[in-house]
Structures are given as C-alpha cells and as structure tokens.
Amino acid sequence: MIAPATKIVDLGQLVRVVEVALVAGIGVSLAFSLAIRGAVRAGEHRRERPLRAGAHALVAAAGLLAVAAAIGFGVSTMLAK
C-alpha cells in the first residue's frame, strides 16, 4: 500500500522553508550589492568629496557586516541541527 503524499510531506513546513529561503536569498543579495555599491562610490568620491566617501564606506561596511552575520547565522543553524 502506498502512503499518501500529504502524510509523507508536511506542506506547511515546505512552504515555510521556501519562504525563508526566498527572503534570505533576496536579503543577502541586497546586502552584498550595497557593499559593492558603497565600495565603488567611496572610491569615486575619495579625493573630491571625502565626507561623502566616508558615508559610502560606512554603507559598504554595513553591507559586509550583514552578509557576514547571515553566513554566521547559517553556519550556526546547520551545526545546531
């Protein structure tokens, strides 16, 4: 006798995994793109506008920090299970 698919797969948990993966993928991609943009803009404004270059450098650092935090969270979650 073959078990129905609803007893094998919990659809609620599957939907939750897809939602979290989608949010995490978009969030980490956005954070890394902010890091790249901030680093490039900081380099462009380095000589002419040092205050603006510093602000872009802070954006780059915040983006890298967010990516590092996401990586750390992912690794700790995998090791905890």
PDB file of N, CA and C in Angstrom:
ATOM      1  N   MET A   1       0.844  -1.179   0.000  1.00  0.00           N
ATOM      2  CA  MET A   1       0.000   0.000   0.000  1.00  0.00           C
ATOM      3  C   MET A   1       0.891   1.245   0.000  1.00  0.00           C
ATOM      4  N   ILE A   2       0.556   2.187  -0.819  1.00  0.00           N
ATOM      5  CA  ILE A   2       1.328   3.420  -0.953  1.00  0.00           C
ATOM      6  C   ILE A   2       0.720   4.487  -0.049  1.00  0.00           C
ATOM      7  N   ALA A   3       1.599   5.155   0.741  1.00  0.00           N
ATOM      8  CA  ALA A   3       1.135   6.213   1.639  1.00  0.00           C
ATOM      9  C   ALA A   3       0.845   7.474   0.838  1.00  0.00           C
ATOM     10  N   PRO A   4      -0.217   8.194   1.205  1.00  0.00           N
ATOM     11  CA  PRO A   4      -0.493   9.450   0.502  1.00  0.00           C
ATOM     12  C   PRO A   4       0.622  10.465   0.735  1.00  0.00           C
ATOM     13  N   ALA A   5       0.823  11.320  -0.245  1.00  0.00           N
ATOM     14  CA  ALA A   5       1.909  12.302  -0.190  1.00  0.00           C
ATOM     15  C   ALA A   5       1.730  13.290   0.958  1.00  0.00           C
ATOM     16  N   THR A   6       0.516  13.541   1.373  1.00  0.00           N
ATOM     17  CA  THR A   6       0.301  14.501   2.459  1.00  0.00           C
ATOM     18  C   THR A   6       0.798  13.971   3.796  1.00  0.00           C
ATOM     19  N   LYS A   7       0.887  12.646   3.940  1.00  0.00           N
ATOM     20  CA  LYS A   7       1.405  12.092   5.180  1.00  0.00           C
ATOM     21  C   LYS A   7       2.928  12.048   5.179  1.00  0.00           C
ATOM     22  N   ILE A   8       3.528  12.041   4.020  1.00  0.00           N
ATOM     23  CA  ILE A   8       4.982  11.999   3.910  1.00  0.00           C
ATOM     24  C   ILE A   8       5.568  13.401   3.991  1.00  0.00           C
ATOM     25  N   VAL A   9       4.960  14.347   3.301  1.00  0.00           N
ATOM     26  CA  VAL A   9       5.475  15.708   3.208  1.00  0.00           C
ATOM     27  C   VAL A   9       4.527  16.648   3.949  1.00  0.00           C
ATOM     28  N   ASP A  10       5.084  17.408   4.887  1.00  0.00           N
ATOM     29  CA  ASP A  10       4.294  18.424   5.575  1.00  0.00           C
ATOM     30  C   ASP A  10       4.326  19.693   4.718  1.00  0.00           C
ATOM     31  N   LEU A  11       3.226  19.978   4.062  1.00  0.00           N
ATOM     32  CA  LEU A  11       3.188  21.103   3.126  1.00  0.00           C
ATOM     33  C   LEU A  11       3.399  22.441   3.830  1.00  0.00           C
ATOM     34  N   GLY A  12       2.937  22.568   5.041  1.00  0.00           N
ATOM     35  CA  GLY A  12       3.137  23.818   5.785  1.00  0.00           C
ATOM     36  C   GLY A  12       4.611  24.092   6.028  1.00  0.00           C
ATOM     37  N   GLN A  13       5.356  23.057   6.428  1.00  0.00           N
ATOM     38  CA  GLN A  13       6.795  23.212   6.648  1.00  0.00           C
ATOM     39  C   GLN A  13       7.520  23.474   5.333  1.00  0.00           C
ATOM     40  N   LEU A  14       7.088  22.826   4.263  1.00  0.00           N
ATOM     41  CA  LEU A  14       7.713  23.031   2.961  1.00  0.00           C
ATOM     42  C   LEU A  14       7.521  24.463   2.473  1.00  0.00           C
ATOM     43  N   VAL A  15       6.331  24.989   2.648  1.00  0.00           N
ATOM     44  CA  VAL A  15       6.065  26.378   2.258  1.00  0.00           C
ATOM     45  C   VAL A  15       6.906  27.327   3.110  1.00  0.00           C
ATOM     46  N   ARG A  16       7.040  27.031   4.384  1.00  0.00           N
ATOM     47  CA  ARG A  16       7.848  27.875   5.285  1.00  0.00           C
ATOM     48  C   ARG A  16       9.309  27.890   4.857  1.00  0.00           C
ATOM     49  N   VAL A  17       9.847  26.737   4.478  1.00  0.00           N
ATOM     50  CA  VAL A  17      11.236  26.659   4.020  1.00  0.00           C
ATOM     51  C   VAL A  17      11.428  27.483   2.754  1.00  0.00           C
ATOM     52  N   VAL A  18      10.482  27.393   1.826  1.00  0.00           N
ATOM     53  CA  VAL A  18      10.585  28.168   0.585  1.00  0.00           C
ATOM     54  C   VAL A  18      10.512  29.659   0.879  1.00  0.00           C
ATOM     55  N   GLU A  19       9.629  30.065   1.774  1.00  0.00           N
ATOM     56  CA  GLU A  19       9.519  31.488   2.129  1.00  0.00           C
ATOM     57  C   GLU A  19      10.813  32.010   2.750  1.00  0.00           C
ATOM     58  N   VAL A  20      11.348  31.270   3.703  1.00  0.00           N
ATOM     59  CA  VAL A  20      12.564  31.712   4.386  1.00  0.00           C
ATOM     60  C   VAL A  20      13.733  31.753   3.415  1.00  0.00           C
ATOM     61  N   ALA A  21      13.838  30.761   2.531  1.00  0.00           N
ATOM     62  CA  ALA A  21      14.925  30.744   1.550  1.00  0.00           C
ATOM     63  C   ALA A  21      14.816  31.925   0.592  1.00  0.00           C
ATOM     64  N   LEU A  22      13.608  32.264   0.202  1.00  0.00           N
ATOM     65  CA  LEU A  22      13.406  33.392  -0.708  1.00  0.00           C
ATOM     66  C   LEU A  22      13.791  34.712  -0.037  1.00  0.00           C
ATOM     67  N   VAL A  23      13.341  34.907   1.187  1.00  0.00           N
ATOM     68  CA  VAL A  23      13.666  36.139   1.918  1.00  0.00           C
ATOM     69  C   VAL A  23      15.166  36.234   2.177  1.00  0.00           C
ATOM     70  N   ALA A  24      15.773  35.130   2.590  1.00  0.00           N
ATOM     71  CA  ALA A  24      17.210  35.130   2.869  1.00  0.00           C
ATOM     72  C   ALA A  24      18.016  35.376   1.602  1.00  0.00           C
ATOM     73  N   GLY A  25      17.633  34.757   0.519  1.00  0.00           N
ATOM     74  CA  GLY A  25      18.353  34.964  -0.738  1.00  0.00           C
ATOM     75  C   GLY A  25      18.288  36.401  -1.217  1.00  0.00           C
ATOM     76  N   ILE A  26      17.110  36.987  -1.145  1.00  0.00           N
ATOM     77  CA  ILE A  26      16.969  38.389  -1.563  1.00  0.00           C
ATOM     78  C   ILE A  26      17.700  39.311  -0.592  1.00  0.00           C
ATOM     79  N   GLY A  27      17.580  39.040   0.699  1.00  0.00           N
ATOM     80  CA  GLY A  27      18.223  39.898   1.704  1.00  0.00           C
ATOM     81  C   GLY A  27      19.737  39.883   1.612  1.00  0.00           C
ATOM     82  N   VAL A  28      20.327  38.696   1.480  1.00  0.00           N
ATOM     83  CA  VAL A  28      21.784  38.607   1.391  1.00  0.00           C
ATOM     84  C   VAL A  28      22.273  39.208   0.075  1.00  0.00           C
ATOM     85  N   SER A  29      21.549  38.986  -1.001  1.00  0.00           N
ATOM     86  CA  SER A  29      21.935  39.586  -2.282  1.00  0.00           C
ATOM     87  C   SER A  29      21.882  41.103  -2.223  1.00  0.00           C
ATOM     88  N   LEU A  30      20.854  41.642  -1.589  1.00  0.00           N
ATOM     89  CA  LEU A  30      20.726  43.093  -1.446  1.00  0.00           C
ATOM     90  C   LEU A  30      21.845  43.656  -0.578  1.00  0.00           C
ATOM     91  N   ALA A  31      22.160  42.975   0.520  1.00  0.00           N
ATOM     92  CA  ALA A  31      23.234  43.449   1.407  1.00  0.00           C
ATOM     93  C   ALA A  31      24.579  43.435   0.689  1.00  0.00           C
ATOM     94  N   PHE A  32      24.845  42.387  -0.082  1.00  0.00           N
ATOM     95  CA  PHE A  32      26.121  42.324  -0.785  1.00  0.00           C
ATOM     96  C   PHE A  32      26.192  43.360  -1.907  1.00  0.00           C
ATOM     97  N   SER A  33      25.062  43.615  -2.566  1.00  0.00           N
ATOM     98  CA  SER A  33      25.064  44.646  -3.605  1.00  0.00           C
ATOM     99  C   SER A  33      25.276  46.032  -3.002  1.00  0.00           C
ATOM    100  N   LEU A  34      24.755  46.272  -1.803  1.00  0.00           N
ATOM    101  CA  LEU A  34      25.023  47.541  -1.122  1.00  0.00           C
ATOM    102  C   LEU A  34      26.502  47.665  -0.757  1.00  0.00           C
ATOM    103  N   ALA A  35      27.119  46.559  -0.366  1.00  0.00           N
ATOM    104  CA  ALA A  35      28.545  46.582  -0.045  1.00  0.00           C
ATOM    105  C   ALA A  35      29.366  46.927  -1.285  1.00  0.00           C
ATOM    106  N   ILE A  36      29.038  46.339  -2.406  1.00  0.00           N
ATOM    107  CA  ILE A  36      29.763  46.626  -3.645  1.00  0.00           C
ATOM    108  C   ILE A  36      29.537  48.068  -4.073  1.00  0.00           C
ATOM    109  N   ARG A  37      28.282  48.505  -4.049  1.00  0.00           N
ATOM    110  CA  ARG A  37      27.986  49.884  -4.462  1.00  0.00           C
ATOM    111  C   ARG A  37      28.677  50.898  -3.549  1.00  0.00           C
ATOM    112  N   GLY A  38      28.645  50.653  -2.256  1.00  0.00           N
ATOM    113  CA  GLY A  38      29.291  51.566  -1.320  1.00  0.00           C
ATOM    114  C   GLY A  38      30.791  51.632  -1.529  1.00  0.00           C
ATOM    115  N   ALA A  39      31.415  50.493  -1.794  1.00  0.00           N
ATOM    116  CA  ALA A  39      32.857  50.483  -2.018  1.00  0.00           C
ATOM    117  C   ALA A  39      33.225  51.215  -3.306  1.00  0.00           C
ATOM    118  N   VAL A  40      32.451  51.013  -4.346  1.00  0.00           N
ATOM    119  CA  VAL A  40      32.736  51.682  -5.624  1.00  0.00           C
ATOM    120  C   VAL A  40      32.534  53.186  -5.491  1.00  0.00           C
ATOM    121  N   ARG A  41      31.428  53.594  -4.884  1.00  0.00           N
ATOM    122  CA  ARG A  41      31.162  55.030  -4.723  1.00  0.00           C
ATOM    123  C   ARG A  41      32.172  55.692  -3.790  1.00  0.00           C
ATOM    124  N   ALA A  42      32.623  54.981  -2.778  1.00  0.00           N
ATOM    125  CA  ALA A  42      33.637  55.551  -1.883  1.00  0.00           C
ATOM    126  C   ALA A  42      34.928  55.803  -2.650  1.00  0.00           C
ATOM    127  N   GLY A  43      35.277  54.903  -3.539  1.00  0.00           N
ATOM    128  CA  GLY A  43      36.470  55.096  -4.362  1.00  0.00           C
ATOM    129  C   GLY A  43      36.335  56.266  -5.322  1.00  0.00           C
ATOM    130  N   GLU A  44      35.136  56.440  -5.852  1.00  0.00           N
ATOM    131  CA  GLU A  44      34.900  57.546  -6.789  1.00  0.00           C
ATOM    132  C   GLU A  44      34.976  58.904  -6.093  1.00  0.00           C
ATOM    133  N   HIS A  45      34.481  58.995  -4.884  1.00  0.00           N
ATOM    134  CA  HIS A  45      34.406  60.279  -4.180  1.00  0.00           C
ATOM    135  C   HIS A  45      35.574  60.510  -3.223  1.00  0.00           C
ATOM    136  N   ARG A  46      36.553  59.664  -3.259  1.00  0.00           N
ATOM    137  CA  ARG A  46      37.621  59.699  -2.256  1.00  0.00           C
ATOM    138  C   ARG A  46      38.356  61.036  -2.227  1.00  0.00           C
ATOM    139  N   ARG A  47      38.704  61.595  -3.349  1.00  0.00           N
ATOM    140  CA  ARG A  47      39.511  62.826  -3.375  1.00  0.00           C
ATOM    141  C   ARG A  47      38.668  64.096  -3.346  1.00  0.00           C
ATOM    142  N   GLU A  48      37.583  64.104  -4.105  1.00  0.00           N
ATOM    143  CA  GLU A  48      36.806  65.344  -4.235  1.00  0.00           C
ATOM    144  C   GLU A  48      35.836  65.571  -3.080  1.00  0.00           C
ATOM    145  N   ARG A  49      35.224  64.525  -2.580  1.00  0.00           N
ATOM    146  CA  ARG A  49      34.222  64.656  -1.519  1.00  0.00           C
ATOM    147  C   ARG A  49      34.498  63.616  -0.425  1.00  0.00           C
ATOM    148  N   PRO A  50      35.416  63.912   0.473  1.00  0.00           N
ATOM    149  CA  PRO A  50      35.791  62.903   1.479  1.00  0.00           C
ATOM    150  C   PRO A  50      34.662  62.550   2.449  1.00  0.00           C
ATOM    151  N   LEU A  51      33.785  63.499   2.751  1.00  0.00           N
ATOM    152  CA  LEU A  51      32.681  63.199   3.658  1.00  0.00           C
ATOM    153  C   LEU A  51      31.704  62.221   3.015  1.00  0.00           C
ATOM    154  N   ARG A  52      31.410  62.447   1.760  1.00  0.00           N
ATOM    155  CA  ARG A  52      30.517  61.540   1.032  1.00  0.00           C
ATOM    156  C   ARG A  52      31.179  60.170   0.848  1.00  0.00           C
ATOM    157  N   ALA A  53      32.493  60.175   0.629  1.00  0.00           N
ATOM    158  CA  ALA A  53      33.217  58.909   0.503  1.00  0.00           C
ATOM    159  C   ALA A  53      33.147  58.121   1.810  1.00  0.00           C
ATOM    160  N   GLY A  54      33.238  58.816   2.923  1.00  0.00           N
ATOM    161  CA  GLY A  54      33.119  58.153   4.219  1.00  0.00           C
ATOM    162  C   GLY A  54      31.745  57.556   4.439  1.00  0.00           C
ATOM    163  N   ALA A  55      30.718  58.263   4.003  1.00  0.00           N
ATOM    164  CA  ALA A  55      29.353  57.742   4.132  1.00  0.00           C
ATOM    165  C   ALA A  55      29.179  56.484   3.282  1.00  0.00           C
ATOM    166  N   HIS A  56      29.729  56.505   2.071  1.00  0.00           N
ATOM    167  CA  HIS A  56      29.651  55.314   1.213  1.00  0.00           C
ATOM    168  C   HIS A  56      30.464  54.167   1.801  1.00  0.00           C
ATOM    169  N   ALA A  57      31.576  54.482   2.426  1.00  0.00           N
ATOM    170  CA  ALA A  57      32.378  53.432   3.065  1.00  0.00           C
ATOM    171  C   ALA A  57      31.608  52.808   4.225  1.00  0.00           C
ATOM    172  N   LEU A  58      30.848  53.607   4.960  1.00  0.00           N
ATOM    173  CA  LEU A  58      30.015  53.059   6.029  1.00  0.00           C
ATOM    174  C   LEU A  58      28.921  52.149   5.476  1.00  0.00           C
ATOM    175  N   VAL A  59      28.336  52.529   4.351  1.00  0.00           N
ATOM    176  CA  VAL A  59      27.327  51.671   3.711  1.00  0.00           C
ATOM    177  C   VAL A  59      27.959  50.347   3.298  1.00  0.00           C
ATOM    178  N   ALA A  60      29.167  50.412   2.736  1.00  0.00           N
ATOM    179  CA  ALA A  60      29.871  49.192   2.329  1.00  0.00           C
ATOM    180  C   ALA A  60      30.166  48.311   3.537  1.00  0.00           C
ATOM    181  N   ALA A  61      30.617  48.915   4.619  1.00  0.00           N
ATOM    182  CA  ALA A  61      30.920  48.144   5.827  1.00  0.00           C
ATOM    183  C   ALA A  61      29.656  47.522   6.414  1.00  0.00           C
ATOM    184  N   ALA A  62      28.561  48.253   6.406  1.00  0.00           N
ATOM    185  CA  ALA A  62      27.298  47.713   6.925  1.00  0.00           C
ATOM    186  C   ALA A  62      26.819  46.541   6.071  1.00  0.00           C
ATOM    187  N   GLY A  63      26.957  46.664   4.765  1.00  0.00           N
ATOM    188  CA  GLY A  63      26.575  45.559   3.882  1.00  0.00           C
ATOM    189  C   GLY A  63      27.413  44.324   4.121  1.00  0.00           C
ATOM    190  N   LEU A  64      28.727  44.505   4.271  1.00  0.00           N
ATOM    191  CA  LEU A  64      29.598  43.363   4.543  1.00  0.00           C
ATOM    192  C   LEU A  64      29.305  42.752   5.899  1.00  0.00           C
ATOM    193  N   LEU A  65      28.999  43.581   6.875  1.00  0.00           N
ATOM    194  CA  LEU A  65      28.662  43.076   8.198  1.00  0.00           C
ATOM    195  C   LEU A  65      27.371  42.254   8.159  1.00  0.00           C
ATOM    196  N   ALA A  66      26.400  42.720   7.381  1.00  0.00           N
ATOM    197  CA  ALA A  66      25.141  41.980   7.257  1.00  0.00           C
ATOM    198  C   ALA A  66      25.363  40.629   6.577  1.00  0.00           C
ATOM    199  N   VAL A  67      26.201  40.602   5.546  1.00  0.00           N
ATOM    200  CA  VAL A  67      26.499  39.340   4.870  1.00  0.00           C
ATOM    201  C   VAL A  67      27.242  38.391   5.807  1.00  0.00           C
ATOM    202  N   ALA A  68      28.201  38.915   6.548  1.00  0.00           N
ATOM    203  CA  ALA A  68      28.941  38.075   7.495  1.00  0.00           C
ATOM    204  C   ALA A  68      28.011  37.540   8.585  1.00  0.00           C
ATOM    205  N   ALA A  69      27.082  38.355   9.043  1.00  0.00           N
ATOM    206  CA  ALA A  69      26.127  37.905  10.060  1.00  0.00           C
ATOM    207  C   ALA A  69      25.226  36.804   9.507  1.00  0.00           C
ATOM    208  N   ALA A  70      24.799  36.943   8.259  1.00  0.00           N
ATOM    209  CA  ALA A  70      23.958  35.915   7.645  1.00  0.00           C
ATOM    210  C   ALA A  70      24.725  34.605   7.489  1.00  0.00           C
ATOM    211  N   ILE A  71      25.988  34.688   7.108  1.00  0.00           N
ATOM    212  CA  ILE A  71      26.806  33.484   6.981  1.00  0.00           C
ATOM    213  C   ILE A  71      26.993  32.830   8.347  1.00  0.00           C
ATOM    214  N   GLY A  72      27.306  33.629   9.350  1.00  0.00           N
ATOM    215  CA  GLY A  72      27.471  33.096  10.696  1.00  0.00           C
ATOM    216  C   GLY A  72      26.198  32.456  11.229  1.00  0.00           C
ATOM    217  N   PHE A  73      25.073  33.078  10.980  1.00  0.00           N
ATOM    218  CA  PHE A  73      23.794  32.528  11.411  1.00  0.00           C
ATOM    219  C   PHE A  73      23.501  31.212  10.701  1.00  0.00           C
ATOM    220  N   GLY A  74      23.775  31.162   9.419  1.00  0.00           N
ATOM    221  CA  GLY A  74      23.547  29.935   8.664  1.00  0.00           C
ATOM    222  C   GLY A  74      24.419  28.792   9.141  1.00  0.00           C
ATOM    223  N   VAL A  75      25.689  29.077   9.378  1.00  0.00           N
ATOM    224  CA  VAL A  75      26.600  28.035   9.856  1.00  0.00           C
ATOM    225  C   VAL A  75      26.194  27.563  11.249  1.00  0.00           C
ATOM    226  N   SER A  76      25.849  28.493  12.133  1.00  0.00           N
ATOM    227  CA  SER A  76      25.448  28.087  13.483  1.00  0.00           C
ATOM    228  C   SER A  76      24.150  27.286  13.464  1.00  0.00           C
ATOM    229  N   THR A  77      23.237  27.619  12.569  1.00  0.00           N
ATOM    230  CA  THR A  77      21.992  26.875  12.457  1.00  0.00           C
ATOM    231  C   THR A  77      22.255  25.454  11.957  1.00  0.00           C
ATOM    232  N   MET A  78      23.131  25.324  10.972  1.00  0.00           N
ATOM    233  CA  MET A  78      23.447  23.992  10.458  1.00  0.00           C
ATOM    234  C   MET A  78      24.150  23.129  11.486  1.00  0.00           C
ATOM    235  N   LEU A  79      25.033  23.736  12.276  1.00  0.00           N
ATOM    236  CA  LEU A  79      25.760  22.960  13.279  1.00  0.00           C
ATOM    237  C   LEU A  79      24.889  22.583  14.473  1.00  0.00           C
ATOM    238  N   ALA A  80      23.822  23.350  14.719  1.00  0.00           N
ATOM    239  CA  ALA A  80      22.945  23.083  15.848  1.00  0.00           C
ATOM    240  C   ALA A  80      21.982  21.936  15.572  1.00  0.00           C
ATOM    241  N   LYS A  81      21.751  21.612  14.338  1.00  0.00           N
ATOM    242  CA  LYS A  81      20.757  20.565  13.999  1.00  0.00           C
ATOM    243  C   LYS A  81      21.394  19.223  13.848  1.00  0.00           C
TER     244      LYS A  81
END
